[in-house]
C-alpha atoms as a PDB file:
ATOM      1  CA  MET A   1      72.259  90.043 103.823  1.00  0.00           C
ATOM      2  CA  ALA A   2      74.997  91.773 105.582  1.00  0.00           C
ATOM      3  CA  LEU A   3      78.297  90.414 105.826  1.00  0.00           C
ATOM      4  CA  SER A   4      80.533  91.088 108.880  1.00  0.00           C
ATOM      5  CA  SER A   5      84.186  91.455 108.963  1.00  0.00           C
ATOM      6  CA  ALA A   6      85.388  89.364 111.939  1.00  0.00           C
ATOM      7  CA  PRO A   7      82.892  86.118 110.799  1.00  0.00           C
ATOM      8  CA  LEU A   8      84.246  86.799 107.702  1.00  0.00           C
ATOM      9  CA  ALA A   9      87.694  86.415 108.728  1.00  0.00           C
ATOM     10  CA  ARG A  10      86.870  83.559 111.161  1.00  0.00           C
ATOM     11  CA  ASP A  11      85.718  81.745 108.231  1.00  0.00           C
ATOM     12  CA  LEU A  12      88.517  82.441 106.050  1.00  0.00           C
ATOM     13  CA  ARG A  13      91.119  82.135 108.787  1.00  0.00           C
ATOM     14  CA  ILE A  14      92.461  85.168 108.059  1.00  0.00           C
ATOM     15  CA  SER A  15      93.183  88.332 109.966  1.00  0.00           C
ATOM     16  CA  VAL A  16      90.144  90.957 110.849  1.00  0.00           C
ATOM     17  CA  ILE A  17      92.846  93.669 109.610  1.00  0.00           C
ATOM     18  CA  THR A  18      92.625  92.005 106.120  1.00  0.00           C
ATOM     19  CA  THR A  19      89.041  91.671 105.708  1.00  0.00           C
ATOM     20  CA  THR A  20      88.388  94.919 107.157  1.00  0.00           C
ATOM     21  CA  ARG A  21      91.075  96.675 104.774  1.00  0.00           C
ATOM     22  CA  ALA A  22      89.284  94.617 102.063  1.00  0.00           C
ATOM     23  CA  TYR A  23      85.782  95.894 102.783  1.00  0.00           C
ATOM     24  CA  ALA A  24      87.467  99.450 102.905  1.00  0.00           C
ATOM     25  CA  GLU A  25      88.430  98.984  99.343  1.00  0.00           C
ATOM     26  CA  LEU A  26      85.397  97.485  98.324  1.00  0.00           C
ATOM     27  CA  ALA A  27      83.300 100.447 100.059  1.00  0.00           C
ATOM     28  CA  ALA A  28      85.664 102.998  98.137  1.00  0.00           C
ATOM     29  CA  GLU A  29      85.065 101.410  94.929  1.00  0.00           C
ATOM     30  CA  GLY A  30      81.093 101.700  95.227  1.00  0.00           C
ATOM     31  CA  PHE A  31      80.842  97.962  95.562  1.00  0.00           C
ATOM     32  CA  ILE A  32      79.309  97.751  99.046  1.00  0.00           C
ATOM     33  CA  ALA A  33      78.027  99.903 101.583  1.00  0.00           C
ATOM     34  CA  THR A  34      79.082  99.477 105.353  1.00  0.00           C
ATOM     35  CA  VAL A  35      76.544 100.316 108.043  1.00  0.00           C
ATOM     36  CA  PRO A  36      78.313 100.537 111.536  1.00  0.00           C
ATOM     37  CA  GLY A  37      77.108  97.936 113.947  1.00  0.00           C
ATOM     38  CA  LYS A  38      75.308  95.849 111.014  1.00  0.00           C
ATOM     39  CA  GLY A  39      78.257  94.929 108.520  1.00  0.00           C
ATOM     40  CA  ALA A  40      78.206  95.608 104.955  1.00  0.00           C
ATOM     41  CA  TYR A  41      75.982  95.426 101.792  1.00  0.00           C
ATOM     42  CA  VAL A  42      76.533  94.492  98.731  1.00  0.00           C
ATOM     43  CA  LEU A  43      75.323  97.560  96.522  1.00  0.00           C
ATOM     44  CA  PRO A  44      73.831  97.207  92.720  1.00  0.00           C
ATOM     45  CA  LEU A  45      76.247  97.070  90.130  1.00  0.00           C
ATOM     46  CA  ASP A  46      76.099 100.674  88.682  1.00  0.00           C
ATOM     47  CA  SER A  47      77.016 100.145  84.900  1.00  0.00           C
ATOM     48  CA  ALA A  48      79.091 103.010  84.812  1.00  0.00           C
ATOM     49  CA  LEU A  49      80.842 102.660  87.974  1.00  0.00           C
ATOM     50  CA  VAL A  50      81.797  99.073  86.769  1.00  0.00           C
ATOM     51  CA  ARG A  51      82.896 100.842  83.416  1.00  0.00           C
ATOM     52  CA  GLU A  52      85.479 103.701  85.234  1.00  0.00           C
ATOM     53  CA  GLN A  53      86.831 100.689  87.073  1.00  0.00           C
ATOM     54  CA  LEU A  54      87.681  98.593  84.280  1.00  0.00           C
ATOM     55  CA  LEU A  55      89.018 101.915  82.291  1.00  0.00           C
ATOM     56  CA  ARG A  56      91.352 102.483  85.380  1.00  0.00           C
ATOM     57  CA  GLU A  57      92.526  98.579  84.562  1.00  0.00           C
ATOM     58  CA  VAL A  58      92.981  99.111  80.981  1.00  0.00           C
ATOM     59  CA  GLU A  59      94.870 102.394  81.783  1.00  0.00           C
ATOM     60  CA  ALA A  60      96.904 100.854  84.297  1.00  0.00           C
ATOM     61  CA  GLY A  61      97.861  98.067  81.784  1.00  0.00           C
ATOM     62  CA  LEU A  62      98.403 100.037  78.953  1.00  0.00           C
ATOM     63  CA  GLN A  63     101.266 102.372  81.324  1.00  0.00           C
ATOM     64  CA  THR A  64     102.986  99.079  82.266  1.00  0.00           C
ATOM     65  CA  ALA A  65     102.993  98.468  78.593  1.00  0.00           C
ATOM     66  CA  LEU A  66     104.383 101.758  77.643  1.00  0.00           C
ATOM     67  CA  ASP A  67     107.008 101.813  80.432  1.00  0.00           C
ATOM     68  CA  ALA A  68     108.103  98.320  79.180  1.00  0.00           C
ATOM     69  CA  ALA A  69     108.227  99.616  75.760  1.00  0.00           C
ATOM     70  CA  ARG A  70     110.422 102.566  76.463  1.00  0.00           C
ATOM     71  CA  ARG A  71     112.785 100.282  78.141  1.00  0.00           C
ATOM     72  CA  ALA A  72     112.973  98.050  75.027  1.00  0.00           C
ATOM     73  CA  GLY A  73     113.388 101.322  73.048  1.00  0.00           C
ATOM     74  CA  LEU A  74     110.485 100.447  71.031  1.00  0.00           C
ATOM     75  CA  ARG A  75     109.411 103.509  68.654  1.00  0.00           C
ATOM     76  CA  ARG A  76     105.719 104.340  68.785  1.00  0.00           C
ATOM     77  CA  GLU A  77     104.793 102.971  65.104  1.00  0.00           C
ATOM     78  CA  GLU A  78     105.921  99.494  66.557  1.00  0.00           C
ATOM     79  CA  LEU A  79     104.096  99.824  69.672  1.00  0.00           C
ATOM     80  CA  ILE A  80     101.160 100.793  67.736  1.00  0.00           C
ATOM     81  CA  GLN A  81     101.941  97.832  65.321  1.00  0.00           C
ATOM     82  CA  ILE A  82     101.964  95.163  68.351  1.00  0.00           C
ATOM     83  CA  LEU A  83      98.475  96.630  69.683  1.00  0.00           C
ATOM     84  CA  ASP A  84      97.083  96.446  66.371  1.00  0.00           C
ATOM     85  CA  GLY A  85      98.132  92.747  66.129  1.00  0.00           C
ATOM     86  CA  LEU A  86      96.835  92.020  69.794  1.00  0.00           C
ATOM     87  CA  ILE A  87      93.509  93.670  68.712  1.00  0.00           C
ATOM     88  CA  GLN A  88      93.106  91.522  65.560  1.00  0.00           C
ATOM     89  CA  ALA A  89      94.454  88.158  67.387  1.00  0.00           C
ATOM     90  CA  ASP A  90      91.522  89.062  69.909  1.00  0.00           C
ATOM     91  CA  GLN A  91      88.930  89.632  67.285  1.00  0.00           C
ATOM     92  CA  HIS A  92      89.700  86.576  65.680  1.00  0.00           C
ATOM     93  CA  GLU A  93      89.575  84.534  68.852  1.00  0.00           C
ATOM     94  CA  VAL A  94      85.994  86.445  69.677  1.00  0.00           C
ATOM     95  CA  ASN A  95      84.900  85.217  66.046  1.00  0.00           C
ATOM     96  CA  ARG A  96      85.449  81.450  66.674  1.00  0.00           C
END
């Protein structure tokens, strides 16, 4: 099924520019393919592509944490202790 930006914008009551921008970002990330005059099609998920996207999210989150740690004056060892604590809490939650 093709997805066209104009009908989607109308259905969602948002700007066509917004849907066009969203489609461009999805295409750039490899989630959809656009066919001029026909619309956009969802591509099958490529596990490597999904993993790469998740890695970028992790890196961005860690960079944000690193920036905050620097502003707080945390030492490397303190930051590692915090990360270890978060990992242990997450593993405990997963095992529940």
